[in-house]
Amino acid sequence: MVELSQAINLRIRLIYYPPYHSKYNPIERCWAALENYWNGAILDSIEVAIKWASNMTWKGIAPIVHRVEATYEKGIKVLSQELEHYQTFWQPSETLPSYTLLMLLHTLH
């Protein structure tokens, strides 16, 4: 995000939602609509599930649905030296420092 912010010369504010608060996460709200839509359907293949998901709407909008076959990598960590470099471009929020960062166009130091 730091590199993007600098490339487009725009300050970007990142806001992190508290973990496990689905009411703040749009995908969780959409998931509830999908569960209601295909309730009772026999989802006996990936193709059937994708078709059902493609035909539902949420707030009047149809989703773009495709199968992701890539492996979701977990446990990847940034080296502390690299993280320290990028942290020079972050300014934590005064009111919510744990959940909000502003990407600066120059370093703090």
PDB file of N, CA and C in Angstrom:
ATOM      1  N   MET A   1       0.822  -1.184   0.000  1.00  0.00           N
ATOM      2  CA  MET A   1       0.000   0.000   0.000  1.00  0.00           C
ATOM      3  C   MET A   1       0.871   1.254   0.000  1.00  0.00           C
ATOM      4  N   VAL A   2       2.006   1.173   0.676  1.00  0.00           N
ATOM      5  CA  VAL A   2       2.928   2.315   0.672  1.00  0.00           C
ATOM      6  C   VAL A   2       3.367   2.619  -0.753  1.00  0.00           C
ATOM      7  N   GLU A   3       3.761   1.582  -1.489  1.00  0.00           N
ATOM      8  CA  GLU A   3       4.232   1.776  -2.862  1.00  0.00           C
ATOM      9  C   GLU A   3       3.119   2.316  -3.756  1.00  0.00           C
ATOM     10  N   LEU A   4       1.907   1.814  -3.594  1.00  0.00           N
ATOM     11  CA  LEU A   4       0.775   2.321  -4.367  1.00  0.00           C
ATOM     12  C   LEU A   4       0.515   3.788  -4.027  1.00  0.00           C
ATOM     13  N   SER A   5       0.511   4.110  -2.752  1.00  0.00           N
ATOM     14  CA  SER A   5       0.285   5.480  -2.312  1.00  0.00           C
ATOM     15  C   SER A   5       1.284   6.436  -2.955  1.00  0.00           C
ATOM     16  N   GLN A   6       2.547   6.028  -2.984  1.00  0.00           N
ATOM     17  CA  GLN A   6       3.578   6.879  -3.574  1.00  0.00           C
ATOM     18  C   GLN A   6       3.457   6.937  -5.094  1.00  0.00           C
ATOM     19  N   ALA A   7       3.121   5.822  -5.719  1.00  0.00           N
ATOM     20  CA  ALA A   7       3.025   5.775  -7.180  1.00  0.00           C
ATOM     21  C   ALA A   7       1.922   6.684  -7.710  1.00  0.00           C
ATOM     22  N   ILE A   8       0.807   6.748  -6.992  1.00  0.00           N
ATOM     23  CA  ILE A   8      -0.308   7.582  -7.453  1.00  0.00           C
ATOM     24  C   ILE A   8      -0.358   8.931  -6.736  1.00  0.00           C
ATOM     25  N   ASN A   9       0.639   9.175  -5.868  1.00  0.00           N
ATOM     26  CA  ASN A   9       0.761  10.436  -5.136  1.00  0.00           C
ATOM     27  C   ASN A   9      -0.524  10.772  -4.379  1.00  0.00           C
ATOM     28  N   LEU A  10      -0.978   9.795  -3.597  1.00  0.00           N
ATOM     29  CA  LEU A  10      -2.225   9.948  -2.859  1.00  0.00           C
ATOM     30  C   LEU A  10      -2.074   9.340  -1.472  1.00  0.00           C
ATOM     31  N   ARG A  11      -2.490  10.085  -0.468  1.00  0.00           N
ATOM     32  CA  ARG A  11      -2.483   9.525   0.886  1.00  0.00           C
ATOM     33  C   ARG A  11      -3.644   8.549   1.009  1.00  0.00           C
ATOM     34  N   ILE A  12      -3.382   7.374   1.527  1.00  0.00           N
ATOM     35  CA  ILE A  12      -4.396   6.328   1.657  1.00  0.00           C
ATOM     36  C   ILE A  12      -4.597   6.038   3.137  1.00  0.00           C
ATOM     37  N   ARG A  13      -5.850   6.003   3.560  1.00  0.00           N
ATOM     38  CA  ARG A  13      -6.156   5.652   4.942  1.00  0.00           C
ATOM     39  C   ARG A  13      -6.610   4.192   4.978  1.00  0.00           C
ATOM     40  N   LEU A  14      -5.914   3.384   5.757  1.00  0.00           N
ATOM     41  CA  LEU A  14      -6.276   1.982   5.942  1.00  0.00           C
ATOM     42  C   LEU A  14      -7.046   1.842   7.241  1.00  0.00           C
ATOM     43  N   ILE A  15      -8.161   1.170   7.181  1.00  0.00           N
ATOM     44  CA  ILE A  15      -8.957   0.942   8.381  1.00  0.00           C
ATOM     45  C   ILE A  15      -9.125  -0.562   8.547  1.00  0.00           C
ATOM     46  N   TYR A  16      -8.726  -1.056   9.689  1.00  0.00           N
ATOM     47  CA  TYR A  16      -8.844  -2.478  10.002  1.00  0.00           C
ATOM     48  C   TYR A  16     -10.057  -2.671  10.888  1.00  0.00           C
ATOM     49  N   TYR A  17     -10.932  -3.569  10.489  1.00  0.00           N
ATOM     50  CA  TYR A  17     -12.075  -3.884  11.327  1.00  0.00           C
ATOM     51  C   TYR A  17     -11.641  -4.810  12.447  1.00  0.00           C
ATOM     52  N   PRO A  18     -12.262  -4.684  13.603  1.00  0.00           N
ATOM     53  CA  PRO A  18     -11.937  -5.633  14.668  1.00  0.00           C
ATOM     54  C   PRO A  18     -12.227  -7.057  14.187  1.00  0.00           C
ATOM     55  N   PRO A  19     -11.395  -8.016  14.549  1.00  0.00           N
ATOM     56  CA  PRO A  19     -11.604  -9.383  14.073  1.00  0.00           C
ATOM     57  C   PRO A  19     -12.933  -9.960  14.560  1.00  0.00           C
ATOM     58  N   TYR A  20     -13.556 -10.731  13.688  1.00  0.00           N
ATOM     59  CA  TYR A  20     -14.770 -11.484  13.990  1.00  0.00           C
ATOM     60  C   TYR A  20     -15.998 -10.620  14.225  1.00  0.00           C
ATOM     61  N   HIS A  21     -16.015  -9.413  13.717  1.00  0.00           N
ATOM     62  CA  HIS A  21     -17.200  -8.574  13.798  1.00  0.00           C
ATOM     63  C   HIS A  21     -17.845  -8.552  12.413  1.00  0.00           C
ATOM     64  N   SER A  22     -18.695  -9.540  12.144  1.00  0.00           N
ATOM     65  CA  SER A  22     -19.236  -9.707  10.799  1.00  0.00           C
ATOM     66  C   SER A  22     -20.118  -8.542  10.356  1.00  0.00           C
ATOM     67  N   LYS A  23     -20.712  -7.823  11.290  1.00  0.00           N
ATOM     68  CA  LYS A  23     -21.583  -6.726  10.859  1.00  0.00           C
ATOM     69  C   LYS A  23     -20.803  -5.608  10.178  1.00  0.00           C
ATOM     70  N   TYR A  24     -19.485  -5.561  10.383  1.00  0.00           N
ATOM     71  CA  TYR A  24     -18.658  -4.552   9.740  1.00  0.00           C
ATOM     72  C   TYR A  24     -18.021  -5.052   8.451  1.00  0.00           C
ATOM     73  N   ASN A  25     -18.205  -6.311   8.120  1.00  0.00           N
ATOM     74  CA  ASN A  25     -17.524  -6.915   6.983  1.00  0.00           C
ATOM     75  C   ASN A  25     -18.539  -7.187   5.874  1.00  0.00           C
ATOM     76  N   PRO A  26     -18.495  -6.435   4.765  1.00  0.00           N
ATOM     77  CA  PRO A  26     -19.487  -6.605   3.698  1.00  0.00           C
ATOM     78  C   PRO A  26     -19.572  -8.029   3.159  1.00  0.00           C
ATOM     79  N   ILE A  27     -18.458  -8.743   3.066  1.00  0.00           N
ATOM     80  CA  ILE A  27     -18.519 -10.106   2.537  1.00  0.00           C
ATOM     81  C   ILE A  27     -19.320 -11.016   3.461  1.00  0.00           C
ATOM     82  N   GLU A  28     -19.254 -10.777   4.750  1.00  0.00           N
ATOM     83  CA  GLU A  28     -20.038 -11.572   5.694  1.00  0.00           C
ATOM     84  C   GLU A  28     -21.530 -11.299   5.526  1.00  0.00           C
ATOM     85  N   ARG A  29     -21.890 -10.043   5.280  1.00  0.00           N
ATOM     86  CA  ARG A  29     -23.302  -9.723   5.061  1.00  0.00           C
ATOM     87  C   ARG A  29     -23.792 -10.336   3.752  1.00  0.00           C
ATOM     88  N   CYS A  30     -22.951 -10.317   2.726  1.00  0.00           N
ATOM     89  CA  CYS A  30     -23.303 -10.938   1.451  1.00  0.00           C
ATOM     90  C   CYS A  30     -23.445 -12.447   1.619  1.00  0.00           C
ATOM     91  N   TRP A  31     -22.551 -13.048   2.414  1.00  0.00           N
ATOM     92  CA  TRP A  31     -22.603 -14.493   2.647  1.00  0.00           C
ATOM     93  C   TRP A  31     -23.946 -14.888   3.258  1.00  0.00           C
ATOM     94  N   ALA A  32     -24.464 -14.090   4.171  1.00  0.00           N
ATOM     95  CA  ALA A  32     -25.765 -14.379   4.782  1.00  0.00           C
ATOM     96  C   ALA A  32     -26.869 -14.357   3.723  1.00  0.00           C
ATOM     97  N   ALA A  33     -26.800 -13.402   2.792  1.00  0.00           N
ATOM     98  CA  ALA A  33     -27.792 -13.334   1.714  1.00  0.00           C
ATOM     99  C   ALA A  33     -27.699 -14.567   0.824  1.00  0.00           C
ATOM    100  N   LEU A  34     -26.478 -15.008   0.529  1.00  0.00           N
ATOM    101  CA  LEU A  34     -26.292 -16.206  -0.294  1.00  0.00           C
ATOM    102  C   LEU A  34     -26.839 -17.439   0.414  1.00  0.00           C
ATOM    103  N   GLU A  35     -26.569 -17.573   1.699  1.00  0.00           N
ATOM    104  CA  GLU A  35     -27.085 -18.722   2.449  1.00  0.00           C
ATOM    105  C   GLU A  35     -28.606 -18.754   2.418  1.00  0.00           C
ATOM    106  N   ASN A  36     -29.237 -17.591   2.542  1.00  0.00           N
ATOM    107  CA  ASN A  36     -30.700 -17.536   2.458  1.00  0.00           C
ATOM    108  C   ASN A  36     -31.179 -17.889   1.057  1.00  0.00           C
ATOM    109  N   TYR A  37     -30.465 -17.428   0.030  1.00  0.00           N
ATOM    110  CA  TYR A  37     -30.867 -17.667  -1.354  1.00  0.00           C
ATOM    111  C   TYR A  37     -30.824 -19.145  -1.707  1.00  0.00           C
ATOM    112  N   TRP A  38     -29.745 -19.835  -1.340  1.00  0.00           N
ATOM    113  CA  TRP A  38     -29.635 -21.241  -1.742  1.00  0.00           C
ATOM    114  C   TRP A  38     -30.089 -22.211  -0.659  1.00  0.00           C
ATOM    115  N   ASN A  39     -30.789 -21.696   0.337  1.00  0.00           N
ATOM    116  CA  ASN A  39     -31.311 -22.537   1.410  1.00  0.00           C
ATOM    117  C   ASN A  39     -32.200 -23.643   0.841  1.00  0.00           C
ATOM    118  N   GLY A  40     -31.871 -24.867   1.143  1.00  0.00           N
ATOM    119  CA  GLY A  40     -32.640 -26.013   0.671  1.00  0.00           C
ATOM    120  C   GLY A  40     -32.164 -26.579  -0.651  1.00  0.00           C
ATOM    121  N   ALA A  41     -31.318 -25.855  -1.375  1.00  0.00           N
ATOM    122  CA  ALA A  41     -30.797 -26.360  -2.651  1.00  0.00           C
ATOM    123  C   ALA A  41     -29.800 -27.483  -2.385  1.00  0.00           C
ATOM    124  N   ILE A  42     -29.737 -28.423  -3.288  1.00  0.00           N
ATOM    125  CA  ILE A  42     -28.761 -29.507  -3.184  1.00  0.00           C
ATOM    126  C   ILE A  42     -27.509 -29.062  -3.928  1.00  0.00           C
ATOM    127  N   LEU A  43     -26.491 -28.756  -3.174  1.00  0.00           N
ATOM    128  CA  LEU A  43     -25.221 -28.285  -3.736  1.00  0.00           C
ATOM    129  C   LEU A  43     -24.280 -29.477  -3.816  1.00  0.00           C
ATOM    130  N   ASP A  44     -24.474 -30.288  -4.854  1.00  0.00           N
ATOM    131  CA  ASP A  44     -23.731 -31.550  -4.945  1.00  0.00           C
ATOM    132  C   ASP A  44     -22.481 -31.463  -5.817  1.00  0.00           C
ATOM    133  N   SER A  45     -22.160 -30.268  -6.293  1.00  0.00           N
ATOM    134  CA  SER A  45     -20.924 -30.093  -7.059  1.00  0.00           C
ATOM    135  C   SER A  45     -20.498 -28.627  -6.983  1.00  0.00           C
ATOM    136  N   ILE A  46     -19.268 -28.391  -7.309  1.00  0.00           N
ATOM    137  CA  ILE A  46     -18.760 -27.017  -7.326  1.00  0.00           C
ATOM    138  C   ILE A  46     -19.508 -26.208  -8.380  1.00  0.00           C
ATOM    139  N   GLU A  47     -19.777 -26.825  -9.521  1.00  0.00           N
ATOM    140  CA  GLU A  47     -20.464 -26.123 -10.605  1.00  0.00           C
ATOM    141  C   GLU A  47     -21.860 -25.667 -10.176  1.00  0.00           C
ATOM    142  N   VAL A  48     -22.582 -26.533  -9.469  1.00  0.00           N
ATOM    143  CA  VAL A  48     -23.926 -26.177  -9.000  1.00  0.00           C
ATOM    144  C   VAL A  48     -23.847 -25.025  -8.002  1.00  0.00           C
ATOM    145  N   ALA A  49     -22.892 -25.086  -7.083  1.00  0.00           N
ATOM    146  CA  ALA A  49     -22.731 -24.013  -6.095  1.00  0.00           C
ATOM    147  C   ALA A  49     -22.396 -22.693  -6.781  1.00  0.00           C
ATOM    148  N   ILE A  50     -21.518 -22.740  -7.772  1.00  0.00           N
ATOM    149  CA  ILE A  50     -21.151 -21.518  -8.499  1.00  0.00           C
ATOM    150  C   ILE A  50     -22.355 -20.962  -9.257  1.00  0.00           C
ATOM    151  N   LYS A  51     -23.157 -21.839  -9.859  1.00  0.00           N
ATOM    152  CA  LYS A  51     -24.344 -21.384 -10.587  1.00  0.00           C
ATOM    153  C   LYS A  51     -25.333 -20.707  -9.637  1.00  0.00           C
ATOM    154  N   TRP A  52     -25.586 -21.321  -8.494  1.00  0.00           N
ATOM    155  CA  TRP A  52     -26.489 -20.716  -7.510  1.00  0.00           C
ATOM    156  C   TRP A  52     -25.949 -19.366  -7.053  1.00  0.00           C
ATOM    157  N   ALA A  53     -24.669 -19.317  -6.748  1.00  0.00           N
ATOM    158  CA  ALA A  53     -24.065 -18.067  -6.275  1.00  0.00           C
ATOM    159  C   ALA A  53     -24.128 -16.984  -7.354  1.00  0.00           C
ATOM    160  N   SER A  54     -23.951 -17.366  -8.614  1.00  0.00           N
ATOM    161  CA  SER A  54     -23.974 -16.405  -9.723  1.00  0.00           C
ATOM    162  C   SER A  54     -25.362 -15.821  -9.957  1.00  0.00           C
ATOM    163  N   ASN A  55     -26.406 -16.577  -9.609  1.00  0.00           N
ATOM    164  CA  ASN A  55     -27.774 -16.146  -9.876  1.00  0.00           C
ATOM    165  C   ASN A  55     -28.409 -15.337  -8.751  1.00  0.00           C
ATOM    166  N   MET A  56     -27.777 -15.288  -7.592  1.00  0.00           N
ATOM    167  CA  MET A  56     -28.352 -14.521  -6.487  1.00  0.00           C
ATOM    168  C   MET A  56     -28.057 -13.038  -6.679  1.00  0.00           C
ATOM    169  N   THR A  57     -28.743 -12.213  -5.930  1.00  0.00           N
ATOM    170  CA  THR A  57     -28.422 -10.784  -5.902  1.00  0.00           C
ATOM    171  C   THR A  57     -28.336 -10.346  -4.447  1.00  0.00           C
ATOM    172  N   TRP A  58     -27.568  -9.311  -4.217  1.00  0.00           N
ATOM    173  CA  TRP A  58     -27.457  -8.725  -2.882  1.00  0.00           C
ATOM    174  C   TRP A  58     -27.581  -7.232  -3.049  1.00  0.00           C
ATOM    175  N   LYS A  59     -28.587  -6.670  -2.409  1.00  0.00           N
ATOM    176  CA  LYS A  59     -28.888  -5.243  -2.553  1.00  0.00           C
ATOM    177  C   LYS A  59     -29.091  -4.874  -4.022  1.00  0.00           C
ATOM    178  N   GLY A  60     -29.716  -5.792  -4.782  1.00  0.00           N
ATOM    179  CA  GLY A  60     -30.025  -5.552  -6.183  1.00  0.00           C
ATOM    180  C   GLY A  60     -28.871  -5.740  -7.146  1.00  0.00           C
ATOM    181  N   ILE A  61     -27.741  -6.203  -6.657  1.00  0.00           N
ATOM    182  CA  ILE A  61     -26.560  -6.362  -7.508  1.00  0.00           C
ATOM    183  C   ILE A  61     -26.179  -7.836  -7.581  1.00  0.00           C
ATOM    184  N   ALA A  62     -25.956  -8.319  -8.807  1.00  0.00           N
ATOM    185  CA  ALA A  62     -25.517  -9.703  -9.002  1.00  0.00           C
ATOM    186  C   ALA A  62     -24.001  -9.773  -8.827  1.00  0.00           C
ATOM    187  N   PRO A  63     -23.511 -10.801  -8.167  1.00  0.00           N
ATOM    188  CA  PRO A  63     -22.064 -10.912  -7.955  1.00  0.00           C
ATOM    189  C   PRO A  63     -21.343 -11.455  -9.180  1.00  0.00           C
ATOM    190  N   ILE A  64     -20.053 -11.217  -9.228  1.00  0.00           N
ATOM    191  CA  ILE A  64     -19.179 -11.871 -10.201  1.00  0.00           C
ATOM    192  C   ILE A  64     -18.579 -13.054  -9.457  1.00  0.00           C
ATOM    193  N   VAL A  65     -18.865 -14.246  -9.921  1.00  0.00           N
ATOM    194  CA  VAL A  65     -18.470 -15.453  -9.192  1.00  0.00           C
ATOM    195  C   VAL A  65     -17.519 -16.276 -10.042  1.00  0.00           C
ATOM    196  N   HIS A  66     -16.424 -16.691  -9.446  1.00  0.00           N
ATOM    197  CA  HIS A  66     -15.499 -17.605 -10.113  1.00  0.00           C
ATOM    198  C   HIS A  66     -14.794 -18.451  -9.059  1.00  0.00           C
ATOM    199  N   ARG A  67     -14.323 -19.571  -9.483  1.00  0.00           N
ATOM    200  CA  ARG A  67     -13.625 -20.476  -8.578  1.00  0.00           C
ATOM    201  C   ARG A  67     -12.164 -20.044  -8.452  1.00  0.00           C
ATOM    202  N   VAL A  68     -11.696 -19.964  -7.230  1.00  0.00           N
ATOM    203  CA  VAL A  68     -10.296 -19.652  -6.960  1.00  0.00           C
ATOM    204  C   VAL A  68      -9.598 -20.970  -6.661  1.00  0.00           C
ATOM    205  N   GLU A  69      -8.638 -21.321  -7.495  1.00  0.00           N
ATOM    206  CA  GLU A  69      -7.952 -22.597  -7.313  1.00  0.00           C
ATOM    207  C   GLU A  69      -6.580 -22.449  -6.670  1.00  0.00           C
ATOM    208  N   ALA A  70      -6.167 -21.215  -6.448  1.00  0.00           N
ATOM    209  CA  ALA A  70      -4.862 -20.993  -5.815  1.00  0.00           C
ATOM    210  C   ALA A  70      -4.928 -21.389  -4.344  1.00  0.00           C
ATOM    211  N   THR A  71      -3.808 -21.765  -3.808  1.00  0.00           N
ATOM    212  CA  THR A  71      -3.723 -22.107  -2.397  1.00  0.00           C
ATOM    213  C   THR A  71      -3.620 -20.829  -1.580  1.00  0.00           C
ATOM    214  N   TYR A  72      -4.432 -20.731  -0.554  1.00  0.00           N
ATOM    215  CA  TYR A  72      -4.380 -19.574   0.335  1.00  0.00           C
ATOM    216  C   TYR A  72      -3.229 -19.781   1.308  1.00  0.00           C
ATOM    217  N   GLU A  73      -2.219 -18.964   1.165  1.00  0.00           N
ATOM    218  CA  GLU A  73      -1.030 -19.100   2.004  1.00  0.00           C
ATOM    219  C   GLU A  73      -1.281 -18.474   3.373  1.00  0.00           C
ATOM    220  N   LYS A  74      -0.944 -19.204   4.404  1.00  0.00           N
ATOM    221  CA  LYS A  74      -1.080 -18.691   5.766  1.00  0.00           C
ATOM    222  C   LYS A  74       0.291 -18.664   6.423  1.00  0.00           C
ATOM    223  N   GLY A  75       0.431 -17.849   7.431  1.00  0.00           N
ATOM    224  CA  GLY A  75       1.657 -17.818   8.203  1.00  0.00           C
ATOM    225  C   GLY A  75       2.807 -17.076   7.553  1.00  0.00           C
ATOM    226  N   ILE A  76       2.536 -16.320   6.493  1.00  0.00           N
ATOM    227  CA  ILE A  76       3.593 -15.556   5.827  1.00  0.00           C
ATOM    228  C   ILE A  76       3.849 -14.294   6.649  1.00  0.00           C
ATOM    229  N   LYS A  77       5.095 -14.047   6.954  1.00  0.00           N
ATOM    230  CA  LYS A  77       5.447 -12.889   7.773  1.00  0.00           C
ATOM    231  C   LYS A  77       6.465 -12.023   7.044  1.00  0.00           C
ATOM    232  N   VAL A  78       6.358 -10.731   7.258  1.00  0.00           N
ATOM    233  CA  VAL A  78       7.306  -9.777   6.692  1.00  0.00           C
ATOM    234  C   VAL A  78       8.517  -9.722   7.615  1.00  0.00           C
ATOM    235  N   LEU A  79       9.707  -9.697   7.033  1.00  0.00           N
ATOM    236  CA  LEU A  79      10.922  -9.573   7.833  1.00  0.00           C
ATOM    237  C   LEU A  79      10.888  -8.261   8.614  1.00  0.00           C
ATOM    238  N   SER A  80      11.379  -8.281   9.842  1.00  0.00           N
ATOM    239  CA  SER A  80      11.301  -7.094  10.696  1.00  0.00           C
ATOM    240  C   SER A  80      12.020  -5.891  10.087  1.00  0.00           C
ATOM    241  N   GLN A  81      13.138  -6.115   9.374  1.00  0.00           N
ATOM    242  CA  GLN A  81      13.846  -4.997   8.737  1.00  0.00           C
ATOM    243  C   GLN A  81      12.982  -4.345   7.659  1.00  0.00           C
ATOM    244  N   GLU A  82      12.308  -5.169   6.883  1.00  0.00           N
ATOM    245  CA  GLU A  82      11.447  -4.635   5.831  1.00  0.00           C
ATOM    246  C   GLU A  82      10.253  -3.902   6.437  1.00  0.00           C
ATOM    247  N   LEU A  83       9.686  -4.465   7.482  1.00  0.00           N
ATOM    248  CA  LEU A  83       8.555  -3.839   8.158  1.00  0.00           C
ATOM    249  C   LEU A  83       8.953  -2.482   8.734  1.00  0.00           C
ATOM    250  N   GLU A  84      10.122  -2.407   9.341  1.00  0.00           N
ATOM    251  CA  GLU A  84      10.602  -1.137   9.901  1.00  0.00           C
ATOM    252  C   GLU A  84      10.699  -0.061   8.819  1.00  0.00           C
ATOM    253  N   HIS A  85      11.163  -0.450   7.633  1.00  0.00           N
ATOM    254  CA  HIS A  85      11.251   0.514   6.524  1.00  0.00           C
ATOM    255  C   HIS A  85       9.870   1.068   6.190  1.00  0.00           C
ATOM    256  N   TYR A  86       8.884   0.187   6.026  1.00  0.00           N
ATOM    257  CA  TYR A  86       7.550   0.638   5.640  1.00  0.00           C
ATOM    258  C   TYR A  86       6.857   1.410   6.757  1.00  0.00           C
ATOM    259  N   GLN A  87       7.170   1.083   8.004  1.00  0.00           N
ATOM    260  CA  GLN A  87       6.538   1.796   9.119  1.00  0.00           C
ATOM    261  C   GLN A  87       6.897   3.277   9.136  1.00  0.00           C
ATOM    262  N   THR A  88       7.970   3.642   8.485  1.00  0.00           N
ATOM    263  CA  THR A  88       8.325   5.068   8.414  1.00  0.00           C
ATOM    264  C   THR A  88       7.340   5.854   7.547  1.00  0.00           C
ATOM    265  N   PHE A  89       6.504   5.153   6.794  1.00  0.00           N
ATOM    266  CA  PHE A  89       5.492   5.795   5.949  1.00  0.00           C
ATOM    267  C   PHE A  89       4.094   5.719   6.569  1.00  0.00           C
ATOM    268  N   TRP A  90       3.978   5.157   7.755  1.00  0.00           N
ATOM    269  CA  TRP A  90       2.677   4.992   8.409  1.00  0.00           C
ATOM    270  C   TRP A  90       2.513   5.998   9.525  1.00  0.00           C
ATOM    271  N   GLN A  91       1.341   6.568   9.602  1.00  0.00           N
ATOM    272  CA  GLN A  91       1.005   7.428  10.730  1.00  0.00           C
ATOM    273  C   GLN A  91      -0.253   6.860  11.369  1.00  0.00           C
ATOM    274  N   PRO A  92      -0.132   6.275  12.567  1.00  0.00           N
ATOM    275  CA  PRO A  92      -1.314   5.730  13.234  1.00  0.00           C
ATOM    276  C   PRO A  92      -2.308   6.840  13.584  1.00  0.00           C
ATOM    277  N   SER A  93      -3.570   6.489  13.591  1.00  0.00           N
ATOM    278  CA  SER A  93      -4.621   7.421  13.977  1.00  0.00           C
ATOM    279  C   SER A  93      -4.470   7.784  15.455  1.00  0.00           C
ATOM    280  N   GLU A  94      -4.785   9.021  15.799  1.00  0.00           N
ATOM    281  CA  GLU A  94      -4.746   9.420  17.206  1.00  0.00           C
ATOM    282  C   GLU A  94      -5.898   8.805  17.981  1.00  0.00           C
ATOM    283  N   THR A  95      -7.045   8.626  17.336  1.00  0.00           N
ATOM    284  CA  THR A  95      -8.219   8.110  18.041  1.00  0.00           C
ATOM    285  C   THR A  95      -8.291   6.589  18.051  1.00  0.00           C
ATOM    286  N   LEU A  96      -7.868   5.935  16.975  1.00  0.00           N
ATOM    287  CA  LEU A  96      -7.907   4.467  16.892  1.00  0.00           C
ATOM    288  C   LEU A  96      -6.583   3.938  16.348  1.00  0.00           C
ATOM    289  N   PRO A  97      -5.500   4.068  17.086  1.00  0.00           N
ATOM    290  CA  PRO A  97      -4.188   3.690  16.552  1.00  0.00           C
ATOM    291  C   PRO A  97      -4.046   2.209  16.209  1.00  0.00           C
ATOM    292  N   SER A  98      -4.820   1.353  16.838  1.00  0.00           N
ATOM    293  CA  SER A  98      -4.723  -0.081  16.542  1.00  0.00           C
ATOM    294  C   SER A  98      -5.451  -0.468  15.264  1.00  0.00           C
ATOM    295  N   TYR A  99      -6.363   0.405  14.791  1.00  0.00           N
ATOM    296  CA  TYR A  99      -7.204   0.032  13.660  1.00  0.00           C
ATOM    297  C   TYR A  99      -7.094   0.943  12.446  1.00  0.00           C
ATOM    298  N   THR A 100      -6.384   2.064  12.550  1.00  0.00           N
ATOM    299  CA  THR A 100      -6.336   3.010  11.440  1.00  0.00           C
ATOM    300  C   THR A 100      -4.917   3.513  11.210  1.00  0.00           C
ATOM    301  N   LEU A 101      -4.491   3.468   9.945  1.00  0.00           N
ATOM    302  CA  LEU A 101      -3.186   3.993   9.544  1.00  0.00           C
ATOM    303  C   LEU A 101      -3.377   4.921   8.357  1.00  0.00           C
ATOM    304  N   LEU A 102      -2.562   5.954   8.279  1.00  0.00           N
ATOM    305  CA  LEU A 102      -2.536   6.827   7.116  1.00  0.00           C
ATOM    306  C   LEU A 102      -1.214   6.599   6.406  1.00  0.00           C
ATOM    307  N   MET A 103      -1.275   6.301   5.100  1.00  0.00           N
ATOM    308  CA  MET A 103      -0.062   6.123   4.305  1.00  0.00           C
ATOM    309  C   MET A 103       0.430   7.499   3.894  1.00  0.00           C
ATOM    310  N   LEU A 104       1.633   7.838   4.301  1.00  0.00           N
ATOM    311  CA  LEU A 104       2.211   9.139   3.996  1.00  0.00           C
ATOM    312  C   LEU A 104       2.986   9.087   2.687  1.00  0.00           C
ATOM    313  N   LEU A 105       3.154  10.226   2.057  1.00  0.00           N
ATOM    314  CA  LEU A 105       3.888  10.289   0.796  1.00  0.00           C
ATOM    315  C   LEU A 105       5.384  10.466   1.021  1.00  0.00           C
ATOM    316  N   HIS A 106       5.789  10.663   2.249  1.00  0.00           N
ATOM    317  CA  HIS A 106       7.205  10.801   2.598  1.00  0.00           C
ATOM    318  C   HIS A 106       7.422  10.099   3.934  1.00  0.00           C
ATOM    319  N   THR A 107       8.643   9.852   4.291  1.00  0.00           N
ATOM    320  CA  THR A 107       8.925   9.165   5.548  1.00  0.00           C
ATOM    321  C   THR A 107       8.725  10.104   6.728  1.00  0.00           C
ATOM    322  N   LEU A 108       8.469   9.514   7.881  1.00  0.00           N
ATOM    323  CA  LEU A 108       8.324  10.295   9.108  1.00  0.00           C
ATOM    324  C   LEU A 108       9.671  10.734   9.649  1.00  0.00           C
ATOM    325  N   HIS A 109      10.718  10.040   9.264  1.00  0.00           N
ATOM    326  CA  HIS A 109      12.052  10.308   9.830  1.00  0.00           C
ATOM    327  C   HIS A 109      12.916  11.073   8.858  1.00  0.00           C
TER     328      HIS A 109
END
